[in-house]
Amino acid sequence: MNQSKKVSIIMGIYNCSATLNEAIDSILKQTYQNWEFIICDDGSKDDSLVIAQRYEELYPDKFVILKNEKNMGLNYTLNHCLQAVTGDYVARMDGDDISVPHRFEKQVEFLNSHLEYAIVSSPMIMFDEAGKWGQTKVIGKPQIIDFVYHTPFFCHAACMVRREAYEAVSGYTVDPKLIRFEDCNLWFKMYSKGYRGYNLTEPLYLMRDDRAAQSRRKFKVRMRGVYVKYIGFKLVNMPKRYYFALVVEFLKCLAIGIVPSPVYKYMHKRKQQNDRRN
């Protein structure tokens, strides 16, 4: 196995002490071992920072632990991590998830042999205390036109990106209007600079997620998603005829805001059942 390319893993942590050991240990178990792990604590109130610092003590040549003075949000925290990156490729990881052992091996192999791509990701398996319950859907070779109906089309936490692509777009945009959509904005920025990505078919990442999380998304958060797509459309010079899709999304958000919560939960449950059948 060619391990000449160094991978820099960036992780923002916030009150994830219950799951952090499992997440970090999944990186220690990687078959690809040329990596550095940069972790930034974003003002945790639990023992997350203490746990991360223990790994730095055990593996001083592998771990770099940073700390924000106060809670600043994921965008700012990941940019803090990017300042310490020295690797060729940058991989994401969250403090409550798990990377399968050959994740980095597969992703590095892909980027090494496909110079035309700057981003590689994969589907994610969703799990909770009861076990695995679903899997995200991905598009193999997303094009700009796919932004219209399929954003985000790369699983952020499962991605690996050439360092130069991050540098070309100055990392993540720090803006409260982008909270929870920092990945969508990042892909728009990278595609606007000519960088492209690819999704492997094999799931390489396990995401800890509540089965009902999507149904609890607040109206304000959904509207923020429409805003992120709007500014993204302008970044990639999306043809004007596709802006109608934004109007449709906006109207959907309004409808969801009006529909009583029990009715929406029922509709969401039916949609999940249909998705599983398909």
C-alpha atoms as a PDB file:
ATOM      1  CA  MET A   1       0.000   0.000   0.000  1.00  0.00           C
ATOM      2  CA  ASN A   2       1.389   3.411  -1.004  1.00  0.00           C
ATOM      3  CA  GLN A   3       1.261   5.633   2.090  1.00  0.00           C
ATOM      4  CA  SER A   4       3.257   8.600   0.761  1.00  0.00           C
ATOM      5  CA  LYS A   5       0.343  11.053   0.993  1.00  0.00           C
ATOM      6  CA  LYS A   6      -0.333  12.468   4.433  1.00  0.00           C
ATOM      7  CA  VAL A   7      -3.935  12.801   5.618  1.00  0.00           C
ATOM      8  CA  SER A   8      -4.907  15.585   8.020  1.00  0.00           C
ATOM      9  CA  ILE A   9      -8.103  14.785   9.933  1.00  0.00           C
ATOM     10  CA  ILE A  10     -10.033  17.794  11.242  1.00  0.00           C
ATOM     11  CA  MET A  11     -12.607  17.455  14.000  1.00  0.00           C
ATOM     12  CA  GLY A  12     -14.542  20.004  15.998  1.00  0.00           C
ATOM     13  CA  ILE A  13     -15.754  18.710  19.355  1.00  0.00           C
ATOM     14  CA  TYR A  14     -18.467  20.054  21.639  1.00  0.00           C
ATOM     15  CA  ASN A  15     -19.878  18.109  24.597  1.00  0.00           C
ATOM     16  CA  CYS A  16     -19.327  14.690  23.017  1.00  0.00           C
ATOM     17  CA  SER A  17     -17.428  12.937  25.825  1.00  0.00           C
ATOM     18  CA  ALA A  18     -19.766   9.922  25.775  1.00  0.00           C
ATOM     19  CA  THR A  19     -18.855   9.022  22.177  1.00  0.00           C
ATOM     20  CA  LEU A  20     -15.465  10.640  21.577  1.00  0.00           C
ATOM     21  CA  ASN A  21     -13.302   7.647  22.508  1.00  0.00           C
ATOM     22  CA  GLU A  22     -15.111   5.411  20.026  1.00  0.00           C
ATOM     23  CA  ALA A  23     -14.792   8.021  17.274  1.00  0.00           C
ATOM     24  CA  ILE A  24     -11.064   8.580  17.804  1.00  0.00           C
ATOM     25  CA  ASP A  25     -10.364   4.861  18.194  1.00  0.00           C
ATOM     26  CA  SER A  26     -11.901   4.267  14.754  1.00  0.00           C
ATOM     27  CA  ILE A  27      -9.131   6.477  13.345  1.00  0.00           C
ATOM     28  CA  LEU A  28      -6.421   4.647  15.292  1.00  0.00           C
ATOM     29  CA  LYS A  29      -7.696   1.423  13.683  1.00  0.00           C
ATOM     30  CA  GLN A  30      -7.340   2.709  10.114  1.00  0.00           C
ATOM     31  CA  THR A  31      -5.379   0.495   7.732  1.00  0.00           C
ATOM     32  CA  TYR A  32      -3.854   3.699   6.320  1.00  0.00           C
ATOM     33  CA  GLN A  33      -1.589   5.148   8.992  1.00  0.00           C
ATOM     34  CA  ASN A  34       0.077   8.229   7.472  1.00  0.00           C
ATOM     35  CA  TRP A  35      -2.132  10.775   9.204  1.00  0.00           C
ATOM     36  CA  GLU A  36      -2.289  13.577  11.734  1.00  0.00           C
ATOM     37  CA  PHE A  37      -5.390  14.270  13.813  1.00  0.00           C
ATOM     38  CA  ILE A  38      -6.253  17.905  14.524  1.00  0.00           C
ATOM     39  CA  ILE A  39      -9.013  18.331  17.091  1.00  0.00           C
ATOM     40  CA  CYS A  40     -10.423  21.656  18.263  1.00  0.00           C
ATOM     41  CA  ASP A  41     -12.624  21.895  21.334  1.00  0.00           C
ATOM     42  CA  ASP A  42     -15.390  24.469  20.863  1.00  0.00           C
ATOM     43  CA  GLY A  43     -16.014  25.403  24.488  1.00  0.00           C
ATOM     44  CA  SER A  44     -17.226  22.041  25.794  1.00  0.00           C
ATOM     45  CA  LYS A  45     -18.743  21.910  29.271  1.00  0.00           C
ATOM     46  CA  ASP A  46     -18.051  18.178  29.693  1.00  0.00           C
ATOM     47  CA  ASP A  47     -14.795  16.166  29.545  1.00  0.00           C
ATOM     48  CA  SER A  48     -14.413  16.254  25.744  1.00  0.00           C
ATOM     49  CA  LEU A  49     -11.238  18.361  25.863  1.00  0.00           C
ATOM     50  CA  VAL A  50      -9.705  16.202  28.622  1.00  0.00           C
ATOM     51  CA  ILE A  51     -10.335  13.040  26.576  1.00  0.00           C
ATOM     52  CA  ALA A  52      -8.757  14.573  23.464  1.00  0.00           C
ATOM     53  CA  GLN A  53      -5.717  15.725  25.440  1.00  0.00           C
ATOM     54  CA  ARG A  54      -5.150  12.178  26.716  1.00  0.00           C
ATOM     55  CA  TYR A  55      -4.721  11.000  23.126  1.00  0.00           C
ATOM     56  CA  GLU A  56      -2.265  13.824  22.492  1.00  0.00           C
ATOM     57  CA  GLU A  57      -0.237  12.643  25.491  1.00  0.00           C
ATOM     58  CA  LEU A  58      -0.290   9.045  24.247  1.00  0.00           C
ATOM     59  CA  TYR A  59       0.416   9.868  20.588  1.00  0.00           C
ATOM     60  CA  PRO A  60       2.223  13.251  20.531  1.00  0.00           C
ATOM     61  CA  ASP A  61       3.379  12.749  16.936  1.00  0.00           C
ATOM     62  CA  LYS A  62      -0.172  12.067  15.723  1.00  0.00           C
ATOM     63  CA  PHE A  63      -2.486  14.438  17.611  1.00  0.00           C
ATOM     64  CA  VAL A  64      -2.761  18.225  17.745  1.00  0.00           C
ATOM     65  CA  ILE A  65      -5.324  19.533  20.231  1.00  0.00           C
ATOM     66  CA  LEU A  66      -6.627  23.098  19.894  1.00  0.00           C
ATOM     67  CA  LYS A  67      -9.147  25.054  21.930  1.00  0.00           C
ATOM     68  CA  ASN A  68     -11.506  27.951  21.260  1.00  0.00           C
ATOM     69  CA  GLU A  69     -11.858  30.424  24.115  1.00  0.00           C
ATOM     70  CA  LYS A  70     -15.634  30.150  23.816  1.00  0.00           C
ATOM     71  CA  ASN A  71     -18.223  28.360  21.692  1.00  0.00           C
ATOM     72  CA  MET A  72     -17.813  29.683  18.142  1.00  0.00           C
ATOM     73  CA  GLY A  73     -19.640  27.167  15.964  1.00  0.00           C
ATOM     74  CA  LEU A  74     -18.471  24.455  13.573  1.00  0.00           C
ATOM     75  CA  ASN A  75     -17.423  26.769  10.701  1.00  0.00           C
ATOM     76  CA  TYR A  76     -15.005  28.744  12.873  1.00  0.00           C
ATOM     77  CA  THR A  77     -13.789  25.611  14.658  1.00  0.00           C
ATOM     78  CA  LEU A  78     -12.939  23.734  11.449  1.00  0.00           C
ATOM     79  CA  ASN A  79     -11.110  26.791  10.121  1.00  0.00           C
ATOM     80  CA  HIS A  80      -9.113  26.790  13.363  1.00  0.00           C
ATOM     81  CA  CYS A  81      -8.181  23.173  12.598  1.00  0.00           C
ATOM     82  CA  LEU A  82      -7.269  24.017   8.989  1.00  0.00           C
ATOM     83  CA  GLN A  83      -4.650  26.488  10.216  1.00  0.00           C
ATOM     84  CA  ALA A  84      -2.680  23.559  11.667  1.00  0.00           C
ATOM     85  CA  VAL A  85      -3.024  21.209   8.679  1.00  0.00           C
ATOM     86  CA  THR A  86       0.198  19.923   7.098  1.00  0.00           C
ATOM     87  CA  GLY A  87      -1.143  16.984   5.075  1.00  0.00           C
ATOM     88  CA  ASP A  88      -1.825  16.573   1.366  1.00  0.00           C
ATOM     89  CA  TYR A  89      -5.432  15.521   1.917  1.00  0.00           C
ATOM     90  CA  VAL A  90      -7.921  16.754   4.522  1.00  0.00           C
ATOM     91  CA  ALA A  91     -10.481  14.341   5.983  1.00  0.00           C
ATOM     92  CA  ARG A  92     -13.458  15.190   8.156  1.00  0.00           C
ATOM     93  CA  MET A  93     -14.576  13.334  11.237  1.00  0.00           C
ATOM     94  CA  ASP A  94     -17.189  14.040  13.906  1.00  0.00           C
ATOM     95  CA  GLY A  95     -16.903  13.227  17.588  1.00  0.00           C
ATOM     96  CA  ASP A  96     -19.903  10.927  17.710  1.00  0.00           C
ATOM     97  CA  ASP A  97     -19.374   8.896  14.538  1.00  0.00           C
ATOM     98  CA  ILE A  98     -17.244   5.958  13.349  1.00  0.00           C
ATOM     99  CA  SER A  99     -14.980   5.545  10.314  1.00  0.00           C
ATOM    100  CA  VAL A 100     -14.705   1.994   8.970  1.00  0.00           C
ATOM    101  CA  PRO A 101     -11.104   0.643   9.150  1.00  0.00           C
ATOM    102  CA  HIS A 102     -10.340   0.933   5.424  1.00  0.00           C
ATOM    103  CA  ARG A 103     -11.957   4.360   4.902  1.00  0.00           C
ATOM    104  CA  PHE A 104      -8.702   6.301   4.436  1.00  0.00           C
ATOM    105  CA  GLU A 105      -7.099   3.549   2.398  1.00  0.00           C
ATOM    106  CA  LYS A 106      -9.966   3.622  -0.101  1.00  0.00           C
ATOM    107  CA  GLN A 107     -10.193   7.411  -0.273  1.00  0.00           C
ATOM    108  CA  VAL A 108      -6.459   8.022  -0.601  1.00  0.00           C
ATOM    109  CA  GLU A 109      -6.220   5.365  -3.300  1.00  0.00           C
ATOM    110  CA  PHE A 110      -9.005   7.116  -5.216  1.00  0.00           C
ATOM    111  CA  LEU A 111      -7.483  10.614  -5.008  1.00  0.00           C
ATOM    112  CA  ASN A 112      -4.035   9.272  -5.905  1.00  0.00           C
ATOM    113  CA  SER A 113      -5.347   7.646  -9.066  1.00  0.00           C
ATOM    114  CA  HIS A 114      -7.953  10.266 -10.099  1.00  0.00           C
ATOM    115  CA  LEU A 115      -6.232  13.614 -10.309  1.00  0.00           C
ATOM    116  CA  GLU A 116      -9.306  15.160 -11.946  1.00  0.00           C
ATOM    117  CA  TYR A 117     -11.190  14.995  -8.629  1.00  0.00           C
ATOM    118  CA  ALA A 118     -10.541  17.055  -5.504  1.00  0.00           C
ATOM    119  CA  ILE A 119     -13.311  15.623  -3.304  1.00  0.00           C
ATOM    120  CA  VAL A 120     -14.158  12.032  -2.476  1.00  0.00           C
ATOM    121  CA  SER A 121     -16.887  10.878  -0.124  1.00  0.00           C
ATOM    122  CA  SER A 122     -19.221   7.923   0.329  1.00  0.00           C
ATOM    123  CA  PRO A 123     -22.664   7.001   1.617  1.00  0.00           C
ATOM    124  CA  MET A 124     -23.088   6.958   5.391  1.00  0.00           C
ATOM    125  CA  ILE A 125     -24.769   4.259   7.453  1.00  0.00           C
ATOM    126  CA  MET A 126     -27.069   5.768  10.078  1.00  0.00           C
ATOM    127  CA  PHE A 127     -27.169   4.213  13.529  1.00  0.00           C
ATOM    128  CA  ASP A 128     -28.422   4.826  17.052  1.00  0.00           C
ATOM    129  CA  GLU A 129     -28.601   2.905  20.330  1.00  0.00           C
ATOM    130  CA  ALA A 130     -30.849   0.315  18.701  1.00  0.00           C
ATOM    131  CA  GLY A 131     -28.444  -0.342  15.820  1.00  0.00           C
ATOM    132  CA  LYS A 132     -28.196   0.540  12.131  1.00  0.00           C
ATOM    133  CA  TRP A 133     -31.380   1.973  10.679  1.00  0.00           C
ATOM    134  CA  GLY A 134     -30.642   3.556   7.305  1.00  0.00           C
ATOM    135  CA  GLN A 135     -28.165   4.706   4.682  1.00  0.00           C
ATOM    136  CA  THR A 136     -27.755   7.986   2.834  1.00  0.00           C
ATOM    137  CA  LYS A 137     -28.138   8.117  -0.939  1.00  0.00           C
ATOM    138  CA  VAL A 138     -25.428   9.637  -3.119  1.00  0.00           C
ATOM    139  CA  ILE A 139     -24.794  10.575  -6.748  1.00  0.00           C
ATOM    140  CA  GLY A 140     -21.652   9.028  -8.214  1.00  0.00           C
ATOM    141  CA  LYS A 141     -20.298  12.021 -10.152  1.00  0.00           C
ATOM    142  CA  PRO A 142     -22.247  15.115  -9.089  1.00  0.00           C
ATOM    143  CA  GLN A 143     -22.442  17.945 -11.611  1.00  0.00           C
ATOM    144  CA  ILE A 144     -23.360  21.570 -10.975  1.00  0.00           C
ATOM    145  CA  ILE A 145     -26.884  20.937 -12.209  1.00  0.00           C
ATOM    146  CA  ASP A 146     -27.314  18.366  -9.416  1.00  0.00           C
ATOM    147  CA  PHE A 147     -27.155  21.201  -6.882  1.00  0.00           C
ATOM    148  CA  VAL A 148     -30.695  22.109  -7.905  1.00  0.00           C
ATOM    149  CA  TYR A 149     -32.365  19.091  -6.318  1.00  0.00           C
ATOM    150  CA  HIS A 150     -29.735  17.124  -4.429  1.00  0.00           C
ATOM    151  CA  THR A 151     -27.795  19.366  -2.054  1.00  0.00           C
ATOM    152  CA  PRO A 152     -25.710  18.464  -0.221  1.00  0.00           C
ATOM    153  CA  PHE A 153     -24.459  15.812  -2.592  1.00  0.00           C
ATOM    154  CA  PHE A 154     -21.347  14.927  -0.597  1.00  0.00           C
ATOM    155  CA  CYS A 155     -21.598  13.573   2.940  1.00  0.00           C
ATOM    156  CA  HIS A 156     -19.515  16.152   4.773  1.00  0.00           C
ATOM    157  CA  ALA A 157     -18.310  14.076   7.726  1.00  0.00           C
ATOM    158  CA  ALA A 158     -17.288  11.221   5.402  1.00  0.00           C
ATOM    159  CA  CYS A 159     -15.343  13.345   2.916  1.00  0.00           C
ATOM    160  CA  MET A 160     -11.658  13.636   2.034  1.00  0.00           C
ATOM    161  CA  VAL A 161     -10.534  16.721   0.096  1.00  0.00           C
ATOM    162  CA  ARG A 162      -7.299  17.860  -1.473  1.00  0.00           C
ATOM    163  CA  ARG A 163      -5.752  20.502   0.739  1.00  0.00           C
ATOM    164  CA  GLU A 164      -5.355  22.862  -2.221  1.00  0.00           C
ATOM    165  CA  ALA A 165      -9.132  22.952  -2.707  1.00  0.00           C
ATOM    166  CA  TYR A 166      -9.657  24.113   0.879  1.00  0.00           C
ATOM    167  CA  GLU A 167      -6.981  26.742   0.424  1.00  0.00           C
ATOM    168  CA  ALA A 168      -8.475  27.969  -2.863  1.00  0.00           C
ATOM    169  CA  VAL A 169     -11.779  28.830  -1.148  1.00  0.00           C
ATOM    170  CA  SER A 170     -10.255  30.038   2.155  1.00  0.00           C
ATOM    171  CA  GLY A 171     -11.866  27.216   4.096  1.00  0.00           C
ATOM    172  CA  TYR A 172     -15.334  27.511   5.586  1.00  0.00           C
ATOM    173  CA  THR A 173     -17.352  30.716   5.483  1.00  0.00           C
ATOM    174  CA  VAL A 174     -18.032  31.913   9.023  1.00  0.00           C
ATOM    175  CA  ASP A 175     -21.561  33.279   8.979  1.00  0.00           C
ATOM    176  CA  PRO A 176     -24.441  32.529  11.401  1.00  0.00           C
ATOM    177  CA  LYS A 177     -26.765  32.216   8.400  1.00  0.00           C
ATOM    178  CA  LEU A 178     -24.784  29.149   7.293  1.00  0.00           C
ATOM    179  CA  ILE A 179     -25.032  27.195  10.543  1.00  0.00           C
ATOM    180  CA  ARG A 180     -25.786  23.504   9.816  1.00  0.00           C
ATOM    181  CA  PHE A 181     -25.244  24.170   6.103  1.00  0.00           C
ATOM    182  CA  GLU A 182     -21.513  24.869   6.117  1.00  0.00           C
ATOM    183  CA  ASP A 183     -20.966  21.813   3.928  1.00  0.00           C
ATOM    184  CA  CYS A 184     -23.421  22.930   1.224  1.00  0.00           C
ATOM    185  CA  ASN A 185     -21.722  26.296   1.066  1.00  0.00           C
ATOM    186  CA  LEU A 186     -18.291  24.651   0.895  1.00  0.00           C
ATOM    187  CA  TRP A 187     -19.242  22.476  -2.091  1.00  0.00           C
ATOM    188  CA  PHE A 188     -20.717  25.473  -3.921  1.00  0.00           C
ATOM    189  CA  LYS A 189     -17.491  27.411  -3.342  1.00  0.00           C
ATOM    190  CA  MET A 190     -15.253  24.572  -4.502  1.00  0.00           C
ATOM    191  CA  TYR A 191     -17.319  23.871  -7.618  1.00  0.00           C
ATOM    192  CA  SER A 192     -17.266  27.594  -8.451  1.00  0.00           C
ATOM    193  CA  LYS A 193     -13.451  27.338  -8.514  1.00  0.00           C
ATOM    194  CA  GLY A 194     -13.504  24.361 -10.873  1.00  0.00           C
ATOM    195  CA  TYR A 195     -12.981  21.574  -8.336  1.00  0.00           C
ATOM    196  CA  ARG A 196     -15.097  18.444  -8.698  1.00  0.00           C
ATOM    197  CA  GLY A 197     -15.875  15.426  -6.563  1.00  0.00           C
ATOM    198  CA  TYR A 198     -16.882  11.781  -6.617  1.00  0.00           C
ATOM    199  CA  ASN A 199     -18.891   9.500  -4.343  1.00  0.00           C
ATOM    200  CA  LEU A 200     -17.710   5.934  -3.842  1.00  0.00           C
ATOM    201  CA  THR A 201     -20.525   3.383  -3.674  1.00  0.00           C
ATOM    202  CA  GLU A 202     -19.298   1.590  -0.555  1.00  0.00           C
ATOM    203  CA  PRO A 203     -20.349   3.150   2.795  1.00  0.00           C
ATOM    204  CA  LEU A 204     -17.165   4.087   4.660  1.00  0.00           C
ATOM    205  CA  TYR A 205     -18.672   5.991   7.566  1.00  0.00           C
ATOM    206  CA  LEU A 206     -21.205   5.372  10.320  1.00  0.00           C
ATOM    207  CA  MET A 207     -23.162   8.421  11.462  1.00  0.00           C
ATOM    208  CA  ARG A 208     -24.818   8.417  14.866  1.00  0.00           C
ATOM    209  CA  ASP A 209     -28.221   9.967  14.206  1.00  0.00           C
ATOM    210  CA  ASP A 210     -31.651  10.128  15.802  1.00  0.00           C
ATOM    211  CA  ARG A 211     -34.281   8.587  13.534  1.00  0.00           C
ATOM    212  CA  ALA A 212     -36.620  11.506  14.191  1.00  0.00           C
ATOM    213  CA  ALA A 213     -34.008  14.276  13.836  1.00  0.00           C
ATOM    214  CA  GLN A 214     -35.101  15.388  10.381  1.00  0.00           C
ATOM    215  CA  SER A 215     -38.725  15.683  11.447  1.00  0.00           C
ATOM    216  CA  ARG A 216     -37.732  18.051  14.265  1.00  0.00           C
ATOM    217  CA  ARG A 217     -35.930  20.516  12.014  1.00  0.00           C
ATOM    218  CA  LYS A 218     -37.203  23.946  12.826  1.00  0.00           C
ATOM    219  CA  PHE A 219     -38.763  26.249  10.265  1.00  0.00           C
ATOM    220  CA  LYS A 220     -35.886  28.727  10.694  1.00  0.00           C
ATOM    221  CA  VAL A 221     -33.301  26.039   9.900  1.00  0.00           C
ATOM    222  CA  ARG A 222     -35.169  24.936   6.772  1.00  0.00           C
ATOM    223  CA  MET A 223     -35.358  28.509   5.542  1.00  0.00           C
ATOM    224  CA  ARG A 224     -31.626  28.839   6.124  1.00  0.00           C
ATOM    225  CA  GLY A 225     -31.142  25.927   3.730  1.00  0.00           C
ATOM    226  CA  VAL A 226     -33.026  27.806   1.010  1.00  0.00           C
ATOM    227  CA  TYR A 227     -30.824  30.853   1.599  1.00  0.00           C
ATOM    228  CA  VAL A 228     -27.627  28.795   1.308  1.00  0.00           C
ATOM    229  CA  LYS A 229     -28.768  27.352  -2.011  1.00  0.00           C
ATOM    230  CA  TYR A 230     -29.689  30.834  -3.267  1.00  0.00           C
ATOM    231  CA  ILE A 231     -26.222  32.274  -2.646  1.00  0.00           C
ATOM    232  CA  GLY A 232     -24.714  29.038  -3.950  1.00  0.00           C
ATOM    233  CA  PHE A 233     -26.641  29.300  -7.201  1.00  0.00           C
ATOM    234  CA  LYS A 234     -25.090  32.714  -7.720  1.00  0.00           C
ATOM    235  CA  LEU A 235     -21.604  31.362  -6.991  1.00  0.00           C
ATOM    236  CA  VAL A 236     -21.814  28.685  -9.691  1.00  0.00           C
ATOM    237  CA  ASN A 237     -23.746  30.873 -12.157  1.00  0.00           C
ATOM    238  CA  MET A 238     -26.728  28.548 -12.145  1.00  0.00           C
ATOM    239  CA  PRO A 239     -28.994  29.195 -15.168  1.00  0.00           C
ATOM    240  CA  LYS A 240     -31.876  31.472 -14.159  1.00  0.00           C
ATOM    241  CA  ARG A 241     -34.534  28.911 -15.113  1.00  0.00           C
ATOM    242  CA  TYR A 242     -33.475  26.739 -12.195  1.00  0.00           C
ATOM    243  CA  TYR A 243     -34.165  29.424  -9.611  1.00  0.00           C
ATOM    244  CA  PHE A 244     -37.789  28.280  -9.760  1.00  0.00           C
ATOM    245  CA  ALA A 245     -36.687  25.266  -7.704  1.00  0.00           C
ATOM    246  CA  LEU A 246     -35.766  27.662  -4.892  1.00  0.00           C
ATOM    247  CA  VAL A 247     -39.252  29.137  -4.979  1.00  0.00           C
ATOM    248  CA  VAL A 248     -40.688  25.623  -4.659  1.00  0.00           C
ATOM    249  CA  GLU A 249     -38.426  24.878  -1.679  1.00  0.00           C
ATOM    250  CA  PHE A 250     -39.400  28.167  -0.073  1.00  0.00           C
ATOM    251  CA  LEU A 251     -43.089  27.309  -0.434  1.00  0.00           C
ATOM    252  CA  LYS A 252     -42.471  23.833   1.002  1.00  0.00           C
ATOM    253  CA  CYS A 253     -40.830  25.432   4.044  1.00  0.00           C
ATOM    254  CA  LEU A 254     -43.823  27.699   4.489  1.00  0.00           C
ATOM    255  CA  ALA A 255     -46.179  24.731   4.236  1.00  0.00           C
ATOM    256  CA  ILE A 256     -44.190  22.764   6.810  1.00  0.00           C
ATOM    257  CA  GLY A 257     -44.302  25.778   9.111  1.00  0.00           C
ATOM    258  CA  ILE A 258     -48.078  25.856   8.853  1.00  0.00           C
ATOM    259  CA  VAL A 259     -48.822  22.102   9.044  1.00  0.00           C
ATOM    260  CA  PRO A 260     -49.490  20.936  12.648  1.00  0.00           C
ATOM    261  CA  SER A 261     -46.577  18.990  14.126  1.00  0.00           C
ATOM    262  CA  PRO A 262     -48.433  15.621  14.516  1.00  0.00           C
ATOM    263  CA  VAL A 263     -49.539  15.761  10.876  1.00  0.00           C
ATOM    264  CA  TYR A 264     -46.019  16.544   9.646  1.00  0.00           C
ATOM    265  CA  LYS A 265     -44.502  13.749  11.745  1.00  0.00           C
ATOM    266  CA  TYR A 266     -46.988  11.307  10.213  1.00  0.00           C
ATOM    267  CA  MET A 267     -46.136  12.504   6.685  1.00  0.00           C
ATOM    268  CA  HIS A 268     -42.403  12.267   7.425  1.00  0.00           C
ATOM    269  CA  LYS A 269     -42.795   8.732   8.772  1.00  0.00           C
ATOM    270  CA  ARG A 270     -44.656   7.671   5.635  1.00  0.00           C
ATOM    271  CA  LYS A 271     -41.900   9.169   3.464  1.00  0.00           C
ATOM    272  CA  GLN A 272     -39.218   7.251   5.386  1.00  0.00           C
ATOM    273  CA  GLN A 273     -41.166   4.009   4.906  1.00  0.00           C
ATOM    274  CA  ASN A 274     -41.486   4.654   1.176  1.00  0.00           C
ATOM    275  CA  ASP A 275     -37.768   5.488   0.895  1.00  0.00           C
ATOM    276  CA  ARG A 276     -36.876   2.175   2.564  1.00  0.00           C
ATOM    277  CA  ARG A 277     -39.104   0.259   0.153  1.00  0.00           C
ATOM    278  CA  ASN A 278     -37.418   1.952  -2.821  1.00  0.00           C
END
